[in-house]
Amino acid sequence: MGQVHPASVRGVLKKAHLLLVSALSLLVGCATSMQAPVKDVAPLKTNEGRVVGSVLINVPLTKDTSSWAWLKGRKAESFKYRFGIEPAGAFPNPFFRTSRIYTIDAGVGQEEVFVTNLPTGPYKFNKVTQKGGSYLHGYIDRTFNVTAGQTTYIGRLVLEFPERLESFRPFRIRVEDMQEEALQSTKAKTGIVLTNLVKGLIQ
């Protein structure tokens, strides 16, 4: 068997690295934020519906003042977080699935209201991840539906985190009906009044 020249190996590895970087760039680039200003939300297309909702992350008000508290992980409130939303039952190939991933960014104690158009169908809040280079994440697995030509209020998704996180310890999830507050917040920020909403809370 002939010898493999080191330069050939380096060339193959370099090409493989470039392909991987290109693929990852495509995956990251395909994520779409659901936090565009309301004034930028376009009129609905025939195969689209509009959803209104919000996300909120809470931590306990009572803090652990022990000098050993740091052993339980970093403070949850020291991070920003990203919610991932995708079509429910999406095609398992990640190159197809991530072409329709949507995101919402939020800090602890900062409710993020969103109004966005989405293609018709069922969607799922898949997981929440820490931003800033951390790989910690937690699964949400809550769904909502988008109906063509309809504006749907899907509720406020609340995550109750522990004070400190280590490999994403268990956290509580609940959905609240805060429709009037969401509409008032949207009006205060943009001057736009949303009407004819149908309620279809996250399940």
C-alpha atoms as a PDB file:
ATOM      1  CA  MET A   1       0.000   0.000   0.000  1.00  0.00           C
ATOM      2  CA  GLY A   2       1.386   3.407  -0.981  1.00  0.00           C
ATOM      3  CA  GLN A   3       2.140   6.092   1.573  1.00  0.00           C
ATOM      4  CA  VAL A   4      -0.254   9.002   2.059  1.00  0.00           C
ATOM      5  CA  HIS A   5       1.546  12.300   1.708  1.00  0.00           C
ATOM      6  CA  PRO A   6       1.027  14.657   4.726  1.00  0.00           C
ATOM      7  CA  ALA A   7       0.247  17.537   2.380  1.00  0.00           C
ATOM      8  CA  SER A   8      -2.642  15.534   0.871  1.00  0.00           C
ATOM      9  CA  VAL A   9      -4.040  14.810   4.326  1.00  0.00           C
ATOM     10  CA  ARG A  10      -3.812  18.490   5.248  1.00  0.00           C
ATOM     11  CA  GLY A  11      -5.583  19.414   2.029  1.00  0.00           C
ATOM     12  CA  VAL A  12      -8.464  17.003   2.704  1.00  0.00           C
ATOM     13  CA  LEU A  13      -8.798  18.205   6.291  1.00  0.00           C
ATOM     14  CA  LYS A  14      -8.795  21.833   5.177  1.00  0.00           C
ATOM     15  CA  LYS A  15     -11.574  21.176   2.650  1.00  0.00           C
ATOM     16  CA  ALA A  16     -13.607  19.277   5.277  1.00  0.00           C
ATOM     17  CA  HIS A  17     -13.165  22.172   7.725  1.00  0.00           C
ATOM     18  CA  LEU A  18     -14.330  24.705   5.147  1.00  0.00           C
ATOM     19  CA  LEU A  19     -17.394  22.596   4.336  1.00  0.00           C
ATOM     20  CA  LEU A  20     -18.258  22.307   8.037  1.00  0.00           C
ATOM     21  CA  VAL A  21     -17.864  26.043   8.620  1.00  0.00           C
ATOM     22  CA  SER A  22     -20.019  26.781   5.574  1.00  0.00           C
ATOM     23  CA  ALA A  23     -22.727  24.382   6.773  1.00  0.00           C
ATOM     24  CA  LEU A  24     -22.757  25.864  10.259  1.00  0.00           C
ATOM     25  CA  SER A  25     -22.929  29.371   8.824  1.00  0.00           C
ATOM     26  CA  LEU A  26     -25.979  28.389   6.808  1.00  0.00           C
ATOM     27  CA  LEU A  27     -27.644  26.868   9.862  1.00  0.00           C
ATOM     28  CA  VAL A  28     -27.042  29.920  12.036  1.00  0.00           C
ATOM     29  CA  GLY A  29     -28.016  32.304   9.265  1.00  0.00           C
ATOM     30  CA  CYS A  30     -31.401  30.622   8.772  1.00  0.00           C
ATOM     31  CA  ALA A  31     -32.690  31.413  12.260  1.00  0.00           C
ATOM     32  CA  THR A  32     -35.220  34.272  12.215  1.00  0.00           C
ATOM     33  CA  SER A  33     -35.946  36.560  15.157  1.00  0.00           C
ATOM     34  CA  MET A  34     -39.596  36.960  16.192  1.00  0.00           C
ATOM     35  CA  GLN A  35     -38.768  40.316  17.808  1.00  0.00           C
ATOM     36  CA  ALA A  36     -38.996  42.612  14.782  1.00  0.00           C
ATOM     37  CA  PRO A  37     -40.703  45.927  15.611  1.00  0.00           C
ATOM     38  CA  VAL A  38     -44.484  45.725  15.140  1.00  0.00           C
ATOM     39  CA  LYS A  39     -44.327  48.488  12.550  1.00  0.00           C
ATOM     40  CA  ASP A  40     -42.173  46.169  10.422  1.00  0.00           C
ATOM     41  CA  VAL A  41     -44.681  43.283  10.475  1.00  0.00           C
ATOM     42  CA  ALA A  42     -45.911  42.963   6.894  1.00  0.00           C
ATOM     43  CA  PRO A  43     -49.518  42.329   5.787  1.00  0.00           C
ATOM     44  CA  LEU A  44     -50.466  38.659   5.945  1.00  0.00           C
ATOM     45  CA  LYS A  45     -49.953  36.465   2.904  1.00  0.00           C
ATOM     46  CA  THR A  46     -52.557  33.841   1.995  1.00  0.00           C
ATOM     47  CA  ASN A  47     -50.632  31.056   3.767  1.00  0.00           C
ATOM     48  CA  GLU A  48     -49.767  33.060   6.913  1.00  0.00           C
ATOM     49  CA  GLY A  49     -51.219  33.873  10.313  1.00  0.00           C
ATOM     50  CA  ARG A  50     -50.086  36.353  12.980  1.00  0.00           C
ATOM     51  CA  VAL A  51     -49.238  35.498  16.585  1.00  0.00           C
ATOM     52  CA  VAL A  52     -49.024  37.773  19.611  1.00  0.00           C
ATOM     53  CA  GLY A  53     -47.430  36.608  22.846  1.00  0.00           C
ATOM     54  CA  SER A  54     -44.567  37.061  25.268  1.00  0.00           C
ATOM     55  CA  VAL A  55     -41.892  35.204  27.212  1.00  0.00           C
ATOM     56  CA  LEU A  56     -40.647  35.826  30.744  1.00  0.00           C
ATOM     57  CA  ILE A  57     -37.890  34.223  32.839  1.00  0.00           C
ATOM     58  CA  ASN A  58     -38.072  34.536  36.627  1.00  0.00           C
ATOM     59  CA  VAL A  59     -35.650  33.603  39.417  1.00  0.00           C
ATOM     60  CA  PRO A  60     -36.334  33.418  43.183  1.00  0.00           C
ATOM     61  CA  LEU A  61     -36.476  36.749  45.002  1.00  0.00           C
ATOM     62  CA  THR A  62     -34.849  35.195  48.067  1.00  0.00           C
ATOM     63  CA  LYS A  63     -31.134  34.694  47.451  1.00  0.00           C
ATOM     64  CA  ASP A  64     -28.751  32.137  48.927  1.00  0.00           C
ATOM     65  CA  THR A  65     -26.159  34.200  50.818  1.00  0.00           C
ATOM     66  CA  SER A  66     -24.030  31.210  51.783  1.00  0.00           C
ATOM     67  CA  SER A  67     -20.339  31.393  50.898  1.00  0.00           C
ATOM     68  CA  TRP A  68     -20.797  27.955  49.270  1.00  0.00           C
ATOM     69  CA  ALA A  69     -23.635  29.049  46.972  1.00  0.00           C
ATOM     70  CA  TRP A  70     -21.294  29.216  43.982  1.00  0.00           C
ATOM     71  CA  LEU A  71     -21.022  25.408  44.068  1.00  0.00           C
ATOM     72  CA  LYS A  72     -24.577  25.259  42.707  1.00  0.00           C
ATOM     73  CA  GLY A  73     -23.500  26.977  39.483  1.00  0.00           C
ATOM     74  CA  ARG A  74     -23.515  30.481  38.043  1.00  0.00           C
ATOM     75  CA  LYS A  75     -26.323  32.897  38.818  1.00  0.00           C
ATOM     76  CA  ALA A  76     -29.144  32.483  36.305  1.00  0.00           C
ATOM     77  CA  GLU A  77     -29.668  36.242  36.130  1.00  0.00           C
ATOM     78  CA  SER A  78     -26.107  36.797  34.868  1.00  0.00           C
ATOM     79  CA  PHE A  79     -27.039  35.397  31.436  1.00  0.00           C
ATOM     80  CA  LYS A  80     -29.197  36.324  28.474  1.00  0.00           C
ATOM     81  CA  TYR A  81     -31.293  33.523  27.004  1.00  0.00           C
ATOM     82  CA  ARG A  82     -32.583  32.489  23.588  1.00  0.00           C
ATOM     83  CA  PHE A  83     -35.858  30.655  23.015  1.00  0.00           C
ATOM     84  CA  GLY A  84     -35.982  28.389  19.963  1.00  0.00           C
ATOM     85  CA  ILE A  85     -39.283  27.913  18.097  1.00  0.00           C
ATOM     86  CA  GLU A  86     -39.775  25.550  15.168  1.00  0.00           C
ATOM     87  CA  PRO A  87     -42.612  23.876  13.254  1.00  0.00           C
ATOM     88  CA  ALA A  88     -43.977  20.953  15.271  1.00  0.00           C
ATOM     89  CA  GLY A  89     -43.108  17.612  13.677  1.00  0.00           C
ATOM     90  CA  ALA A  90     -40.442  19.234  11.511  1.00  0.00           C
ATOM     91  CA  PHE A  91     -38.489  17.078   9.057  1.00  0.00           C
ATOM     92  CA  PRO A  92     -35.750  15.297  11.059  1.00  0.00           C
ATOM     93  CA  ASN A  93     -32.881  16.330   8.781  1.00  0.00           C
ATOM     94  CA  PRO A  94     -31.318  19.303  10.642  1.00  0.00           C
ATOM     95  CA  PHE A  95     -30.419  21.077   7.392  1.00  0.00           C
ATOM     96  CA  PHE A  96     -34.142  21.276   6.578  1.00  0.00           C
ATOM     97  CA  ARG A  97     -35.433  21.811  10.098  1.00  0.00           C
ATOM     98  CA  THR A  98     -33.196  24.773  10.914  1.00  0.00           C
ATOM     99  CA  SER A  99     -34.256  26.614   7.776  1.00  0.00           C
ATOM    100  CA  ARG A 100     -37.466  27.392   9.695  1.00  0.00           C
ATOM    101  CA  ILE A 101     -36.207  28.073  13.218  1.00  0.00           C
ATOM    102  CA  TYR A 102     -37.356  31.245  14.973  1.00  0.00           C
ATOM    103  CA  THR A 103     -35.848  32.841  18.074  1.00  0.00           C
ATOM    104  CA  ILE A 104     -36.719  35.184  20.938  1.00  0.00           C
ATOM    105  CA  ASP A 105     -34.026  36.665  23.192  1.00  0.00           C
ATOM    106  CA  ALA A 106     -34.762  37.602  26.811  1.00  0.00           C
ATOM    107  CA  GLY A 107     -33.040  38.481  30.061  1.00  0.00           C
ATOM    108  CA  VAL A 108     -34.176  37.428  33.523  1.00  0.00           C
ATOM    109  CA  GLY A 109     -37.154  39.481  34.713  1.00  0.00           C
ATOM    110  CA  GLN A 110     -37.568  41.186  31.330  1.00  0.00           C
ATOM    111  CA  GLU A 111     -40.801  40.252  29.578  1.00  0.00           C
ATOM    112  CA  GLU A 112     -40.395  40.194  25.806  1.00  0.00           C
ATOM    113  CA  VAL A 113     -43.616  40.798  23.852  1.00  0.00           C
ATOM    114  CA  PHE A 114     -43.612  39.703  20.203  1.00  0.00           C
ATOM    115  CA  VAL A 115     -45.933  40.144  17.222  1.00  0.00           C
ATOM    116  CA  THR A 116     -44.952  38.195  14.128  1.00  0.00           C
ATOM    117  CA  ASN A 117     -46.258  36.562  10.951  1.00  0.00           C
ATOM    118  CA  LEU A 118     -45.650  32.838  10.512  1.00  0.00           C
ATOM    119  CA  PRO A 119     -46.567  30.254   7.881  1.00  0.00           C
ATOM    120  CA  THR A 120     -49.722  28.346   8.786  1.00  0.00           C
ATOM    121  CA  GLY A 121     -49.377  25.250  10.970  1.00  0.00           C
ATOM    122  CA  PRO A 122     -48.407  23.942  14.425  1.00  0.00           C
ATOM    123  CA  TYR A 123     -45.271  25.250  16.164  1.00  0.00           C
ATOM    124  CA  LYS A 124     -43.278  24.264  19.201  1.00  0.00           C
ATOM    125  CA  PHE A 125     -41.197  26.147  21.759  1.00  0.00           C
ATOM    126  CA  ASN A 126     -38.412  23.607  21.575  1.00  0.00           C
ATOM    127  CA  LYS A 127     -35.746  24.746  24.038  1.00  0.00           C
ATOM    128  CA  VAL A 128     -34.067  27.662  25.778  1.00  0.00           C
ATOM    129  CA  THR A 129     -30.302  28.169  25.670  1.00  0.00           C
ATOM    130  CA  GLN A 130     -27.883  30.498  27.411  1.00  0.00           C
ATOM    131  CA  LYS A 131     -26.239  33.068  25.177  1.00  0.00           C
ATOM    132  CA  GLY A 132     -22.614  34.048  25.406  1.00  0.00           C
ATOM    133  CA  GLY A 133     -20.770  30.848  24.593  1.00  0.00           C
ATOM    134  CA  SER A 134     -22.490  28.594  27.136  1.00  0.00           C
ATOM    135  CA  TYR A 135     -23.821  25.212  26.023  1.00  0.00           C
ATOM    136  CA  LEU A 136     -26.340  24.903  28.850  1.00  0.00           C
ATOM    137  CA  HIS A 137     -29.882  24.406  27.611  1.00  0.00           C
ATOM    138  CA  GLY A 138     -33.277  23.196  28.765  1.00  0.00           C
ATOM    139  CA  TYR A 139     -36.177  21.701  26.824  1.00  0.00           C
ATOM    140  CA  ILE A 140     -39.597  23.383  26.835  1.00  0.00           C
ATOM    141  CA  ASP A 141     -41.713  21.295  24.423  1.00  0.00           C
ATOM    142  CA  ARG A 142     -44.840  23.509  24.399  1.00  0.00           C
ATOM    143  CA  THR A 143     -46.912  24.039  21.250  1.00  0.00           C
ATOM    144  CA  PHE A 144     -49.187  26.607  19.610  1.00  0.00           C
ATOM    145  CA  ASN A 145     -51.005  26.853  16.301  1.00  0.00           C
ATOM    146  CA  VAL A 146     -50.941  29.443  13.512  1.00  0.00           C
ATOM    147  CA  THR A 147     -54.143  29.831  11.478  1.00  0.00           C
ATOM    148  CA  ALA A 148     -54.216  31.449   8.033  1.00  0.00           C
ATOM    149  CA  GLY A 149     -55.528  35.019   7.999  1.00  0.00           C
ATOM    150  CA  GLN A 150     -55.958  35.096  11.786  1.00  0.00           C
ATOM    151  CA  THR A 151     -54.221  37.001  14.587  1.00  0.00           C
ATOM    152  CA  THR A 152     -53.898  34.690  17.589  1.00  0.00           C
ATOM    153  CA  TYR A 153     -52.898  35.553  21.144  1.00  0.00           C
ATOM    154  CA  ILE A 154     -50.850  32.593  22.413  1.00  0.00           C
ATOM    155  CA  GLY A 155     -50.185  33.789  25.972  1.00  0.00           C
ATOM    156  CA  ARG A 156     -47.183  34.523  28.148  1.00  0.00           C
ATOM    157  CA  LEU A 157     -44.712  31.646  28.486  1.00  0.00           C
ATOM    158  CA  VAL A 158     -43.078  31.844  31.919  1.00  0.00           C
ATOM    159  CA  LEU A 159     -39.985  29.893  32.956  1.00  0.00           C
ATOM    160  CA  GLU A 160     -39.202  29.707  36.679  1.00  0.00           C
ATOM    161  CA  PHE A 161     -35.453  29.163  37.000  1.00  0.00           C
ATOM    162  CA  PRO A 162     -33.573  28.333  40.203  1.00  0.00           C
ATOM    163  CA  GLU A 163     -31.217  31.053  41.416  1.00  0.00           C
ATOM    164  CA  ARG A 164     -28.185  29.207  40.068  1.00  0.00           C
ATOM    165  CA  LEU A 165     -27.882  26.922  37.061  1.00  0.00           C
ATOM    166  CA  GLU A 166     -25.645  23.917  36.609  1.00  0.00           C
ATOM    167  CA  SER A 167     -26.267  21.809  33.505  1.00  0.00           C
ATOM    168  CA  PHE A 168     -29.751  23.323  33.528  1.00  0.00           C
ATOM    169  CA  ARG A 169     -31.311  21.991  36.693  1.00  0.00           C
ATOM    170  CA  PRO A 170     -35.083  21.355  36.404  1.00  0.00           C
ATOM    171  CA  PHE A 171     -37.250  24.437  36.033  1.00  0.00           C
ATOM    172  CA  ARG A 172     -40.982  25.099  36.070  1.00  0.00           C
ATOM    173  CA  ILE A 173     -42.979  26.154  33.010  1.00  0.00           C
ATOM    174  CA  ARG A 174     -46.394  27.797  32.960  1.00  0.00           C
ATOM    175  CA  VAL A 175     -48.555  29.724  30.505  1.00  0.00           C
ATOM    176  CA  GLU A 176     -50.480  32.833  31.568  1.00  0.00           C
ATOM    177  CA  ASP A 177     -53.304  34.686  29.842  1.00  0.00           C
ATOM    178  CA  MET A 178     -52.062  38.294  29.860  1.00  0.00           C
ATOM    179  CA  GLN A 179     -53.722  39.450  26.656  1.00  0.00           C
ATOM    180  CA  GLU A 180     -54.746  42.931  27.774  1.00  0.00           C
ATOM    181  CA  GLU A 181     -51.285  43.661  29.170  1.00  0.00           C
ATOM    182  CA  ALA A 182     -49.654  42.455  25.929  1.00  0.00           C
ATOM    183  CA  LEU A 183     -51.903  44.680  23.823  1.00  0.00           C
ATOM    184  CA  GLN A 184     -51.258  47.668  26.071  1.00  0.00           C
ATOM    185  CA  SER A 185     -47.498  47.074  25.898  1.00  0.00           C
ATOM    186  CA  THR A 186     -47.643  46.878  22.098  1.00  0.00           C
ATOM    187  CA  LYS A 187     -49.681  50.078  21.905  1.00  0.00           C
ATOM    188  CA  ALA A 188     -47.359  51.923  24.313  1.00  0.00           C
ATOM    189  CA  LYS A 189     -44.240  50.927  22.370  1.00  0.00           C
ATOM    190  CA  THR A 190     -45.524  51.377  18.823  1.00  0.00           C
ATOM    191  CA  GLY A 191     -48.857  53.203  18.877  1.00  0.00           C
ATOM    192  CA  ILE A 192     -50.389  50.271  16.984  1.00  0.00           C
ATOM    193  CA  VAL A 193     -53.699  48.826  18.222  1.00  0.00           C
ATOM    194  CA  LEU A 194     -54.229  45.139  17.459  1.00  0.00           C
ATOM    195  CA  THR A 195     -57.846  44.090  17.041  1.00  0.00           C
ATOM    196  CA  ASN A 196     -59.908  40.966  16.246  1.00  0.00           C
ATOM    197  CA  LEU A 197     -57.609  38.655  18.192  1.00  0.00           C
ATOM    198  CA  VAL A 198     -58.498  34.991  18.646  1.00  0.00           C
ATOM    199  CA  LYS A 199     -57.211  33.263  21.786  1.00  0.00           C
ATOM    200  CA  GLY A 200     -55.212  30.065  21.306  1.00  0.00           C
ATOM    201  CA  LEU A 201     -52.926  29.675  24.297  1.00  0.00           C
ATOM    202  CA  ILE A 202     -49.670  27.699  24.230  1.00  0.00           C
ATOM    203  CA  GLN A 203     -50.274  24.080  25.266  1.00  0.00           C
END
